[in-house]
């Protein structure tokens, strides 16, 4: 697996030095590549991988690159260390923001997480510890969530006189229902990994030592499928969820017709009849 640490442009110094196969900088986002799978790791363990503006900018920029790179078929999002996936906003930075800066920050966070959600490439949140506030909002923007057994998930913003601002009040109700979402958000509840699985908030719970192994296993299974069919299916689910059934069925029919007219579909049908494994090329 090759690894590189991205350099921040707007919020910190560009000073960096080479160290082996890595570029060392003050960056907060580590990128690792294993075949068609890219791992994005938040690298701020000293503050439980809390989000700040610089990190959100880096993540947004990287996602734009991923969107254009056809060789990347799946993403794993995680945090450095064993304590936290992401514990939410950086409180030190949060306290010093002007109201206009906070508004821009919310729009940046929403844009970044919406880009992740709409990337057309499946993403897996490997939740290693705390996923709170903006960290849970980041996980909610991923296609799948696998949690370590020691993970805790929640929205504590209400305890600070705040509300979730990066999509939490919108995505959580769509996933667990309005009543449970209201309970978690209005009471600032944290749930265990097992409770999150019961709610449908996470896909699977595993021991911490197996978290990345399970995440790579899921990502590898995804990468065996047609990337075009994956993208179209994700779009159909996303768009159909926000409309009525009849409109959703039309969306499905339109996107299904597009899928049928691809080289990948012809390869898949031929492979089935020839009793062999298909080789999808994303065409």
Protein backbone atom coordinates (compact mmCIF):
# COMPACT_ATOMS: atom_id res chain seq x y z
CA UNK A 1 0.00 0.00 0.00
CA UNK A 2 1.43 3.34 -0.93
CA UNK A 3 0.83 6.32 1.29
CA UNK A 4 0.98 10.08 0.88
CA UNK A 5 0.02 12.93 3.18
CA UNK A 6 -1.74 15.76 1.37
CA UNK A 7 -0.60 19.33 1.93
CA UNK A 8 -3.04 22.00 3.01
CA UNK A 9 -3.07 25.13 0.89
CA UNK A 10 -5.19 27.85 2.41
CA UNK A 11 -5.08 27.53 6.18
CA UNK A 12 -1.54 26.40 6.97
CA UNK A 13 2.00 26.70 5.75
CA UNK A 14 3.04 24.79 2.65
CA UNK A 15 6.34 23.89 4.27
CA UNK A 16 7.05 20.18 3.81
CA UNK A 17 9.92 17.77 3.61
CA UNK A 18 10.35 14.41 1.96
CA UNK A 19 10.64 11.35 4.17
CA UNK A 20 10.94 8.05 2.33
CA UNK A 21 7.86 7.42 0.24
CA UNK A 22 5.79 10.06 2.04
CA UNK A 23 5.43 13.80 1.80
CA UNK A 24 5.54 15.16 5.32
CA UNK A 25 3.58 18.30 6.13
CA UNK A 26 1.15 19.68 8.65
CA UNK A 27 -1.67 18.10 6.69
CA UNK A 28 -4.54 16.47 8.52
CA UNK A 29 -5.53 14.00 5.80
CA UNK A 30 -3.54 10.88 5.00
CA UNK A 31 -4.27 9.10 1.72
CA UNK A 32 -3.41 5.45 1.18
CA UNK A 33 -4.03 3.39 -1.92
CA UNK A 34 -4.48 -0.36 -2.24
CA UNK A 35 -5.39 -1.29 -5.80
CA UNK A 36 -8.78 0.28 -6.64
CA UNK A 37 -9.45 1.11 -2.97
CA UNK A 38 -8.45 4.48 -1.48
CA UNK A 39 -8.25 5.03 2.27
CA UNK A 40 -8.76 8.55 3.61
CA UNK A 41 -7.56 8.84 7.19
CA UNK A 42 -8.11 11.87 9.41
CA UNK A 43 -4.76 12.53 11.06
CA UNK A 44 -5.45 14.68 14.12
CA UNK A 45 -5.31 12.12 16.94
CA UNK A 46 -4.17 14.73 19.47
CA UNK A 47 -7.68 16.26 19.29
CA UNK A 48 -9.55 13.00 18.63
CA UNK A 49 -9.47 13.73 14.89
CA UNK A 50 -11.69 16.79 15.29
CA UNK A 51 -12.77 18.67 12.16
CA UNK A 52 -11.49 22.13 11.31
CA UNK A 53 -11.83 24.23 8.17
CA UNK A 54 -8.46 23.15 6.80
CA UNK A 55 -9.33 19.49 7.06
CA UNK A 56 -12.70 20.01 5.39
CA UNK A 57 -10.98 21.82 2.53
CA UNK A 58 -8.47 19.01 2.08
CA UNK A 59 -11.19 16.40 2.09
CA UNK A 60 -13.27 18.36 -0.42
CA UNK A 61 -10.28 18.75 -2.74
CA UNK A 62 -9.38 15.08 -2.49
CA UNK A 63 -12.93 13.98 -3.22
CA UNK A 64 -12.93 16.10 -6.38
CA UNK A 65 -9.82 14.23 -7.51
CA UNK A 66 -11.35 10.86 -6.65
CA UNK A 67 -14.47 11.71 -8.64
CA UNK A 68 -12.36 12.05 -11.80
CA UNK A 69 -10.08 9.05 -11.19
CA UNK A 70 -11.72 6.02 -12.79
CA UNK A 71 -9.13 3.70 -11.25
CA UNK A 72 -10.58 4.39 -7.77
CA UNK A 73 -13.68 2.26 -7.25
CA UNK A 74 -14.25 2.41 -3.49
CA UNK A 75 -13.27 4.59 -0.53
CA UNK A 76 -12.64 3.78 3.12
CA UNK A 77 -12.91 6.71 5.54
CA UNK A 78 -11.37 6.33 9.01
CA UNK A 79 -9.46 8.13 11.75
CA UNK A 80 -5.91 7.83 13.06
CA UNK A 81 -5.47 5.95 16.31
CA UNK A 82 -7.82 3.77 18.33
CA UNK A 83 -9.83 6.40 20.22
CA UNK A 84 -11.78 8.24 17.57
CA UNK A 85 -13.07 8.13 14.03
CA UNK A 86 -13.82 11.83 14.43
CA UNK A 87 -15.04 13.51 17.61
CA UNK A 88 -16.74 16.42 15.83
CA UNK A 89 -15.81 20.07 15.43
CA UNK A 90 -12.57 21.50 16.75
CA UNK A 91 -13.93 23.44 19.75
CA UNK A 92 -10.91 25.73 19.98
CA UNK A 93 -11.41 26.87 16.38
CA UNK A 94 -15.19 26.94 16.81
CA UNK A 95 -15.06 29.42 19.70
CA UNK A 96 -13.07 31.96 17.72
CA UNK A 97 -15.23 32.06 14.60
CA UNK A 98 -17.14 35.12 13.49
CA UNK A 99 -20.79 34.37 12.69
CA UNK A 100 -20.08 34.77 8.96
CA UNK A 101 -17.16 32.34 9.24
CA UNK A 102 -19.38 29.82 11.01
CA UNK A 103 -21.99 30.12 8.26
CA UNK A 104 -19.33 29.56 5.60
CA UNK A 105 -17.98 26.66 7.61
CA UNK A 106 -21.37 24.99 7.71
CA UNK A 107 -21.75 25.41 3.96
CA UNK A 108 -18.25 23.98 3.44
CA UNK A 109 -19.03 20.98 5.63
CA UNK A 110 -22.34 20.37 3.91
CA UNK A 111 -20.78 20.69 0.46
CA UNK A 112 -17.95 18.30 1.37
CA UNK A 113 -20.21 15.63 2.82
CA UNK A 114 -22.74 15.98 -0.01
CA UNK A 115 -19.91 15.50 -2.49
CA UNK A 116 -18.91 12.31 -0.67
CA UNK A 117 -22.51 11.07 -0.64
CA UNK A 118 -23.04 11.81 -4.34
CA UNK A 119 -19.64 10.66 -5.57
CA UNK A 120 -21.04 7.67 -7.44
CA UNK A 121 -18.40 5.51 -5.75
CA UNK A 122 -19.25 3.53 -2.61
CA UNK A 123 -17.64 4.75 0.59
CA UNK A 124 -17.20 2.90 3.87
CA UNK A 125 -16.88 4.64 7.22
CA UNK A 126 -14.59 2.47 9.36
CA UNK A 127 -15.63 3.85 12.76
CA UNK A 128 -12.80 3.30 15.22
CA UNK A 129 -14.01 4.86 18.46
CA UNK A 130 -15.93 8.12 18.83
CA UNK A 131 -18.05 9.37 15.92
CA UNK A 132 -19.66 12.47 17.38
CA UNK A 133 -21.18 15.62 15.90
CA UNK A 134 -19.50 16.34 12.60
CA UNK A 135 -17.79 12.96 12.80
CA UNK A 136 -21.14 11.19 12.78
CA UNK A 137 -22.30 13.49 9.99
CA UNK A 138 -19.25 12.40 8.00
CA UNK A 139 -20.08 8.74 8.64
CA UNK A 140 -23.72 9.32 7.65
CA UNK A 141 -22.52 10.64 4.30
CA UNK A 142 -20.78 7.34 3.56
CA UNK A 143 -22.57 4.50 1.80
CA UNK A 144 -21.77 1.94 4.52
CA UNK A 145 -20.73 2.17 8.17
CA UNK A 146 -18.73 -0.55 9.92
CA UNK A 147 -18.12 0.11 13.60
CA UNK A 148 -15.58 -1.25 16.03
CA UNK A 149 -17.26 -2.72 19.10
CA UNK A 150 -15.88 0.13 21.24
CA UNK A 151 -17.38 2.84 19.01
CA UNK A 152 -19.82 5.43 20.33
CA UNK A 153 -21.98 7.54 18.05
CA UNK A 154 -24.04 10.64 18.75
CA UNK A 155 -24.81 14.31 18.38
CA UNK A 156 -23.73 16.24 21.51
CA UNK A 157 -24.23 19.70 19.94
CA UNK A 158 -27.40 20.41 21.92
CA UNK A 159 -25.33 20.31 25.13
CA UNK A 160 -23.34 23.28 23.78
CA UNK A 161 -26.39 25.26 22.73
CA UNK A 162 -25.85 24.24 19.11
CA UNK A 163 -27.40 21.91 16.53
CA UNK A 164 -25.77 19.64 13.94
CA UNK A 165 -24.76 21.74 10.96
CA UNK A 166 -23.19 19.40 8.40
CA UNK A 167 -26.36 17.49 7.47
CA UNK A 168 -27.08 15.57 10.67
CA UNK A 169 -30.63 16.84 11.14
CA UNK A 170 -31.42 15.76 7.56
CA UNK A 171 -29.58 12.47 7.10
CA UNK A 172 -30.17 10.86 10.48
CA UNK A 173 -34.01 10.94 10.26
CA UNK A 174 -33.84 9.43 6.78
CA UNK A 175 -31.82 6.55 8.18
CA UNK A 176 -33.33 5.79 11.60
CA UNK A 177 -36.69 7.61 11.48
CA UNK A 178 -37.75 10.97 12.85
CA UNK A 179 -38.57 9.83 16.39
CA UNK A 180 -35.22 8.21 17.11
CA UNK A 181 -33.35 10.99 15.34
CA UNK A 182 -35.14 13.57 17.50
CA UNK A 183 -34.28 11.62 20.63
CA UNK A 184 -30.59 11.42 19.72
CA UNK A 185 -30.31 15.06 18.62
CA UNK A 186 -32.53 16.78 21.20
CA UNK A 187 -31.14 14.83 24.16
CA UNK A 188 -27.57 14.68 22.91
CA UNK A 189 -27.60 10.89 23.26
CA UNK A 190 -24.64 8.69 22.46
CA UNK A 191 -25.28 5.09 21.41
CA UNK A 192 -22.98 2.10 21.48
CA UNK A 193 -21.95 0.26 18.34
CA UNK A 194 -24.43 -2.53 19.10
CA UNK A 195 -27.27 -0.06 19.64
CA UNK A 196 -26.33 1.71 16.42
CA UNK A 197 -26.53 -1.58 14.55
CA UNK A 198 -29.98 -2.28 15.99
CA UNK A 199 -31.11 1.13 14.76
CA UNK A 200 -29.74 0.49 11.28
CA UNK A 201 -27.20 3.25 11.80
CA UNK A 202 -24.25 0.94 11.17
CA UNK A 203 -24.03 -2.06 8.85
CA UNK A 204 -21.80 -4.28 10.97
CA UNK A 205 -20.00 -4.34 14.33
CA UNK A 206 -16.61 -6.02 14.63
CA UNK A 207 -13.74 -6.22 17.08
CA UNK A 208 -11.39 -3.22 16.79
CA UNK A 209 -8.54 -5.40 15.52
CA UNK A 210 -10.70 -6.55 12.58
CA UNK A 211 -12.15 -3.18 11.59
CA UNK A 212 -9.92 -2.41 8.63
CA UNK A 213 -9.86 -6.04 7.49
CA UNK A 214 -13.67 -6.08 7.33
CA UNK A 215 -13.73 -2.69 5.62
CA UNK A 216 -11.27 -3.83 2.95
CA UNK A 217 -13.23 -7.06 2.49
CA UNK A 218 -16.43 -5.11 1.80
CA UNK A 219 -14.64 -2.65 -0.47
CA UNK A 220 -13.05 -5.53 -2.41
CA UNK A 221 -16.43 -7.14 -2.99
CA UNK A 222 -17.75 -3.84 -4.30
CA UNK A 223 -14.80 -3.48 -6.66
CA UNK A 224 -15.70 -6.77 -8.34
CA UNK A 225 -18.94 -5.21 -9.62
CA UNK A 226 -19.45 -2.91 -12.58
CA UNK A 227 -18.54 0.63 -11.46
CA UNK A 228 -21.16 2.02 -13.85
CA UNK A 229 -23.91 -0.20 -12.46
CA UNK A 230 -22.82 0.69 -8.92
CA UNK A 231 -22.99 4.41 -9.68
CA UNK A 232 -26.37 4.14 -11.38
CA UNK A 233 -27.83 2.02 -8.57
CA UNK A 234 -26.59 4.51 -5.98
CA UNK A 235 -28.13 7.37 -7.93
CA UNK A 236 -31.44 5.53 -8.21
CA UNK A 237 -31.54 4.87 -4.46
CA UNK A 238 -30.59 8.45 -3.59
CA UNK A 239 -32.98 10.17 -5.98
CA UNK A 240 -35.81 7.73 -5.39
CA UNK A 241 -35.66 8.16 -1.62
CA UNK A 242 -36.48 11.85 -1.95
CA UNK A 243 -39.54 11.41 -4.14
CA UNK A 244 -42.79 9.46 -4.34
CA UNK A 245 -42.87 5.81 -5.42
CA UNK A 246 -44.18 6.46 -8.94
CA UNK A 247 -41.49 9.05 -9.66
CA UNK A 248 -38.92 6.75 -8.12
CA UNK A 249 -39.95 3.91 -10.42
CA UNK A 250 -39.49 6.19 -13.43
CA UNK A 251 -36.02 7.13 -12.20
CA UNK A 252 -35.21 3.44 -11.80
CA UNK A 253 -36.46 2.62 -15.31
CA UNK A 254 -34.46 5.46 -16.87
CA UNK A 255 -31.23 4.56 -15.08
CA UNK A 256 -31.80 0.84 -15.62
CA UNK A 257 -32.05 1.45 -19.35
CA UNK A 258 -28.77 3.33 -19.28
CA UNK A 259 -27.14 0.44 -17.41
CA UNK A 260 -28.44 -2.06 -19.98
CA UNK A 261 -26.77 -0.10 -22.78
CA UNK A 262 -23.22 -0.39 -21.38
CA UNK A 263 -20.33 -2.68 -22.30
CA UNK A 264 -20.29 -3.84 -18.66
CA UNK A 265 -23.86 -5.12 -18.98
CA UNK A 266 -23.02 -7.01 -22.17
CA UNK A 267 -19.97 -8.50 -20.44
CA UNK A 268 -22.00 -9.46 -17.38
CA UNK A 269 -24.68 -11.22 -19.43
CA UNK A 270 -22.08 -13.01 -21.59
CA UNK A 271 -20.11 -14.14 -18.55
CA UNK A 272 -23.25 -15.55 -16.94
CA UNK A 273 -24.10 -17.60 -20.03
CA UNK A 274 -20.49 -18.72 -20.43
CA UNK A 275 -20.27 -19.66 -16.73
CA UNK A 276 -17.23 -17.47 -16.04
CA UNK A 277 -16.40 -14.51 -13.86
CA UNK A 278 -17.12 -11.17 -15.58
CA UNK A 279 -14.40 -8.59 -16.14
CA UNK A 280 -15.96 -5.16 -15.77
CA UNK A 281 -14.09 -2.21 -17.29
CA UNK A 282 -16.39 0.67 -16.45
CA UNK A 283 -17.59 1.20 -19.99
